Each structure stands twice: as C-alpha cells, then as structure tokens.
Amino acid sequence: MKEFDEKTIWTSDLIPLMASYHKGKLQHSLWTAEVINSNLKSGDSFLPDAILSKKFFFRRIWQGKGAQAAASEVFLATDSDATHVISFLLQEQKKLQAVRLQCVEMDNDILYDITNAFSM
C-alpha cells in the first residue's frame, strides 16, 4: 500500500482478508489477497518452492466511507446460513457496520467478494 494515511487495522488468520482505514478519506476498506503465478525459480532464493511458486496481490472488494476514526474492533463471524460476515465496530459513532462475503471457487482457487453491506 502506497498511501501513508492508510493503515492496516485487521487481518484474518482463516481467510485471505485484510481491513484498512484511510484517515484522510475517512474510509475503511476490505481487501482480499489473491494468488497470481510467479516466474521465480527455486535457485533464485532460499525460500521453499511452495512459497516461490506464488505471488500475491491485494484487491479492494469494499469501501465504507464516513467513519470519523478507525474501527475499534474488526471481527469475522458467520450468519445463520454460514456465510462469513466481517463486522466493524465504530465505537465513537455507536455503530456496527457489517459486510457479507460471497465465496466463488474458480480453477482450484477461492475468490471473495461482497454480497451486501449493512449498518446497525
């Protein structure tokens, strides 16, 4: 991330997601880490081939504007039909903002996107 005003505020250890907050734009973002093929060869590095064979990039899948400060808590939950939900607790605004994830499997990879966002 090249933006100095954008900071990572949460990462998931279960699915390849990251949340950030940009204080200049007053905006939260949700990013997914996706794999692209790499042309590195195992002799070029001391890292294992399993890591070298992949490159990652981050794709922004959601932006939420208007938060005066970074979320005090970000957490992963599931709803009644086992769909992943990422929730942002905006304590200063006394608000909970949540986004539902959609998972699509393509070519042995799982891609994530947002189905809808809602606030409480």
C-alpha atoms as a PDB file:
ATOM      1  CA  MET A   1       0.000   0.000   0.000  1.00  0.00           C
ATOM      2  CA  LYS A   2       1.478   3.291  -1.099  1.00  0.00           C
ATOM      3  CA  GLU A   3      -0.894   5.533   0.834  1.00  0.00           C
ATOM      4  CA  PHE A   4       0.780   6.757   4.025  1.00  0.00           C
ATOM      5  CA  ASP A   5      -2.598   7.703   5.526  1.00  0.00           C
ATOM      6  CA  GLU A   6      -3.909   4.143   5.081  1.00  0.00           C
ATOM      7  CA  LYS A   7      -3.146   1.691   7.874  1.00  0.00           C
ATOM      8  CA  THR A   8      -3.875  -1.994   8.249  1.00  0.00           C
ATOM      9  CA  ILE A   9      -6.254  -2.475  11.191  1.00  0.00           C
ATOM     10  CA  TRP A  10      -7.106  -6.189  10.898  1.00  0.00           C
ATOM     11  CA  THR A  11      -6.031  -9.386   9.165  1.00  0.00           C
ATOM     12  CA  SER A  12      -7.751 -12.750   9.167  1.00  0.00           C
ATOM     13  CA  ASP A  13      -5.979 -15.956  10.038  1.00  0.00           C
ATOM     14  CA  LEU A  14      -8.800 -18.039   8.499  1.00  0.00           C
ATOM     15  CA  ILE A  15      -9.412 -16.494   5.094  1.00  0.00           C
ATOM     16  CA  PRO A  16      -7.173 -14.208   2.992  1.00  0.00           C
ATOM     17  CA  LEU A  17      -8.639 -10.850   4.041  1.00  0.00           C
ATOM     18  CA  MET A  18      -7.277  -7.574   5.374  1.00  0.00           C
ATOM     19  CA  ALA A  19      -9.072  -4.440   6.597  1.00  0.00           C
ATOM     20  CA  SER A  20      -7.577  -0.951   6.466  1.00  0.00           C
ATOM     21  CA  TYR A  21      -8.536   2.592   7.417  1.00  0.00           C
ATOM     22  CA  HIS A  22      -7.595   5.751   5.497  1.00  0.00           C
ATOM     23  CA  LYS A  23      -7.738   8.696   7.900  1.00  0.00           C
ATOM     24  CA  GLY A  24      -7.601  11.344   5.144  1.00  0.00           C
ATOM     25  CA  LYS A  25     -10.582   9.872   3.270  1.00  0.00           C
ATOM     26  CA  LEU A  26     -12.383   8.713   6.453  1.00  0.00           C
ATOM     27  CA  GLN A  27     -12.824   5.320   4.849  1.00  0.00           C
ATOM     28  CA  HIS A  28     -12.498   1.658   5.747  1.00  0.00           C
ATOM     29  CA  SER A  29     -11.541  -0.843   3.049  1.00  0.00           C
ATOM     30  CA  LEU A  30     -11.671  -4.597   2.880  1.00  0.00           C
ATOM     31  CA  TRP A  31      -9.058  -6.339   0.746  1.00  0.00           C
ATOM     32  CA  THR A  32      -8.643  -9.908  -0.419  1.00  0.00           C
ATOM     33  CA  ALA A  33      -5.227 -11.460  -1.055  1.00  0.00           C
ATOM     34  CA  GLU A  34      -5.222 -13.279  -4.366  1.00  0.00           C
ATOM     35  CA  VAL A  35      -2.591 -15.538  -5.892  1.00  0.00           C
ATOM     36  CA  ILE A  36      -1.031 -14.936  -9.283  1.00  0.00           C
ATOM     37  CA  ASN A  37       1.557 -17.135 -10.980  1.00  0.00           C
ATOM     38  CA  SER A  38       5.195 -16.375 -10.418  1.00  0.00           C
ATOM     39  CA  ASN A  39       8.131 -16.797 -12.751  1.00  0.00           C
ATOM     40  CA  LEU A  40      10.695 -17.121  -9.935  1.00  0.00           C
ATOM     41  CA  LYS A  41      12.864 -20.203  -9.957  1.00  0.00           C
ATOM     42  CA  SER A  42      13.861 -22.141  -6.844  1.00  0.00           C
ATOM     43  CA  GLY A  43      17.569 -21.468  -7.392  1.00  0.00           C
ATOM     44  CA  ASP A  44      16.975 -17.708  -7.094  1.00  0.00           C
ATOM     45  CA  SER A  45      16.107 -17.776  -3.379  1.00  0.00           C
ATOM     46  CA  PHE A  46      16.431 -19.666  -0.121  1.00  0.00           C
ATOM     47  CA  LEU A  47      12.617 -19.825   0.269  1.00  0.00           C
ATOM     48  CA  PRO A  48      10.757 -23.126  -0.249  1.00  0.00           C
ATOM     49  CA  ASP A  49       9.335 -23.820  -3.730  1.00  0.00           C
ATOM     50  CA  ALA A  50       5.760 -23.766  -2.358  1.00  0.00           C
ATOM     51  CA  ILE A  51       6.182 -20.079  -1.474  1.00  0.00           C
ATOM     52  CA  LEU A  52       8.207 -19.170  -4.553  1.00  0.00           C
ATOM     53  CA  SER A  53       5.643 -20.615  -6.918  1.00  0.00           C
ATOM     54  CA  LYS A  54       3.108 -17.955  -5.892  1.00  0.00           C
ATOM     55  CA  LYS A  55       2.850 -14.190  -5.951  1.00  0.00           C
ATOM     56  CA  PHE A  56       0.106 -12.350  -4.128  1.00  0.00           C
ATOM     57  CA  PHE A  57      -1.703  -9.093  -4.745  1.00  0.00           C
ATOM     58  CA  PHE A  58      -4.413  -7.296  -2.799  1.00  0.00           C
ATOM     59  CA  ARG A  59      -7.737  -6.443  -4.436  1.00  0.00           C
ATOM     60  CA  ARG A  60     -10.081  -3.996  -2.719  1.00  0.00           C
ATOM     61  CA  ILE A  61     -13.534  -5.559  -2.504  1.00  0.00           C
ATOM     62  CA  TRP A  62     -15.325  -2.970  -0.342  1.00  0.00           C
ATOM     63  CA  GLN A  63     -15.098   0.649   0.850  1.00  0.00           C
ATOM     64  CA  GLY A  64     -17.090   2.193   3.667  1.00  0.00           C
ATOM     65  CA  LYS A  65     -16.941   5.976   3.917  1.00  0.00           C
ATOM     66  CA  GLY A  66     -17.791   8.389   6.692  1.00  0.00           C
ATOM     67  CA  ALA A  67     -16.135   6.823   9.747  1.00  0.00           C
ATOM     68  CA  GLN A  68     -14.521   9.565  11.841  1.00  0.00           C
ATOM     69  CA  ALA A  69     -11.931   7.117  13.209  1.00  0.00           C
ATOM     70  CA  ALA A  70     -10.708   3.604  12.545  1.00  0.00           C
ATOM     71  CA  ALA A  71     -12.959   0.833  13.811  1.00  0.00           C
ATOM     72  CA  SER A  72     -12.185  -0.033  17.417  1.00  0.00           C
ATOM     73  CA  GLU A  73     -12.797  -3.730  16.645  1.00  0.00           C
ATOM     74  CA  VAL A  74     -12.985  -5.741  13.423  1.00  0.00           C
ATOM     75  CA  PHE A  75     -14.047  -9.354  13.567  1.00  0.00           C
ATOM     76  CA  LEU A  76     -15.097 -12.304  11.450  1.00  0.00           C
ATOM     77  CA  ALA A  77     -18.389 -14.051  12.170  1.00  0.00           C
ATOM     78  CA  THR A  78     -20.910 -16.221  10.344  1.00  0.00           C
ATOM     79  CA  ASP A  79     -24.617 -15.663   9.919  1.00  0.00           C
ATOM     80  CA  SER A  80     -27.416 -18.255  10.170  1.00  0.00           C
ATOM     81  CA  ASP A  81     -26.634 -19.767   6.750  1.00  0.00           C
ATOM     82  CA  ALA A  82     -22.857 -19.990   7.496  1.00  0.00           C
ATOM     83  CA  THR A  83     -21.959 -17.014   5.290  1.00  0.00           C
ATOM     84  CA  HIS A  84     -18.889 -15.123   6.506  1.00  0.00           C
ATOM     85  CA  VAL A  85     -19.579 -11.621   7.810  1.00  0.00           C
ATOM     86  CA  ILE A  86     -16.891  -9.026   8.553  1.00  0.00           C
ATOM     87  CA  SER A  87     -18.011  -6.518  11.199  1.00  0.00           C
ATOM     88  CA  PHE A  88     -16.550  -3.105  12.000  1.00  0.00           C
ATOM     89  CA  LEU A  89     -17.360  -1.684  15.448  1.00  0.00           C
ATOM     90  CA  LEU A  90     -17.385   2.121  15.156  1.00  0.00           C
ATOM     91  CA  GLN A  91     -17.429   2.887  18.858  1.00  0.00           C
ATOM     92  CA  GLU A  92     -17.353   6.687  18.592  1.00  0.00           C
ATOM     93  CA  GLN A  93     -20.369   6.638  16.269  1.00  0.00           C
ATOM     94  CA  LYS A  94     -22.102   3.885  18.286  1.00  0.00           C
ATOM     95  CA  LYS A  95     -22.499   1.905  15.089  1.00  0.00           C
ATOM     96  CA  LEU A  96     -21.798  -1.603  13.838  1.00  0.00           C
ATOM     97  CA  GLN A  97     -21.115  -1.877  10.124  1.00  0.00           C
ATOM     98  CA  ALA A  98     -21.011  -5.309   8.515  1.00  0.00           C
ATOM     99  CA  VAL A  99     -20.372  -6.806   5.087  1.00  0.00           C
ATOM    100  CA  ARG A 100     -21.359 -10.289   3.899  1.00  0.00           C
ATOM    101  CA  LEU A 101     -18.806 -12.226   1.880  1.00  0.00           C
ATOM    102  CA  GLN A 102     -19.508 -14.238  -1.218  1.00  0.00           C
ATOM    103  CA  CYS A 103     -17.118 -17.117  -1.966  1.00  0.00           C
ATOM    104  CA  VAL A 104     -16.711 -18.371  -5.522  1.00  0.00           C
ATOM    105  CA  GLU A 105     -14.483 -21.291  -6.474  1.00  0.00           C
ATOM    106  CA  MET A 106     -12.686 -20.936  -9.822  1.00  0.00           C
ATOM    107  CA  ASP A 107      -9.778 -23.011 -11.149  1.00  0.00           C
ATOM    108  CA  ASN A 108      -8.992 -24.506  -7.716  1.00  0.00           C
ATOM    109  CA  ASP A 109      -8.895 -21.009  -6.166  1.00  0.00           C
ATOM    110  CA  ILE A 110     -11.466 -19.396  -3.901  1.00  0.00           C
ATOM    111  CA  LEU A 111     -12.313 -15.791  -4.755  1.00  0.00           C
ATOM    112  CA  TYR A 112     -14.027 -13.493  -2.264  1.00  0.00           C
ATOM    113  CA  ASP A 113     -16.360 -10.602  -2.947  1.00  0.00           C
ATOM    114  CA  ILE A 114     -19.042  -8.651  -1.098  1.00  0.00           C
ATOM    115  CA  THR A 115     -22.734  -9.538  -1.463  1.00  0.00           C
ATOM    116  CA  ASN A 116     -24.083  -6.670   0.623  1.00  0.00           C
ATOM    117  CA  ALA A 117     -23.208  -4.243   3.409  1.00  0.00           C
ATOM    118  CA  PHE A 118     -25.425  -3.115   6.274  1.00  0.00           C
ATOM    119  CA  SER A 119     -25.248  -0.994   9.418  1.00  0.00           C
ATOM    120  CA  MET A 120     -26.881  -1.309  12.822  1.00  0.00           C
END
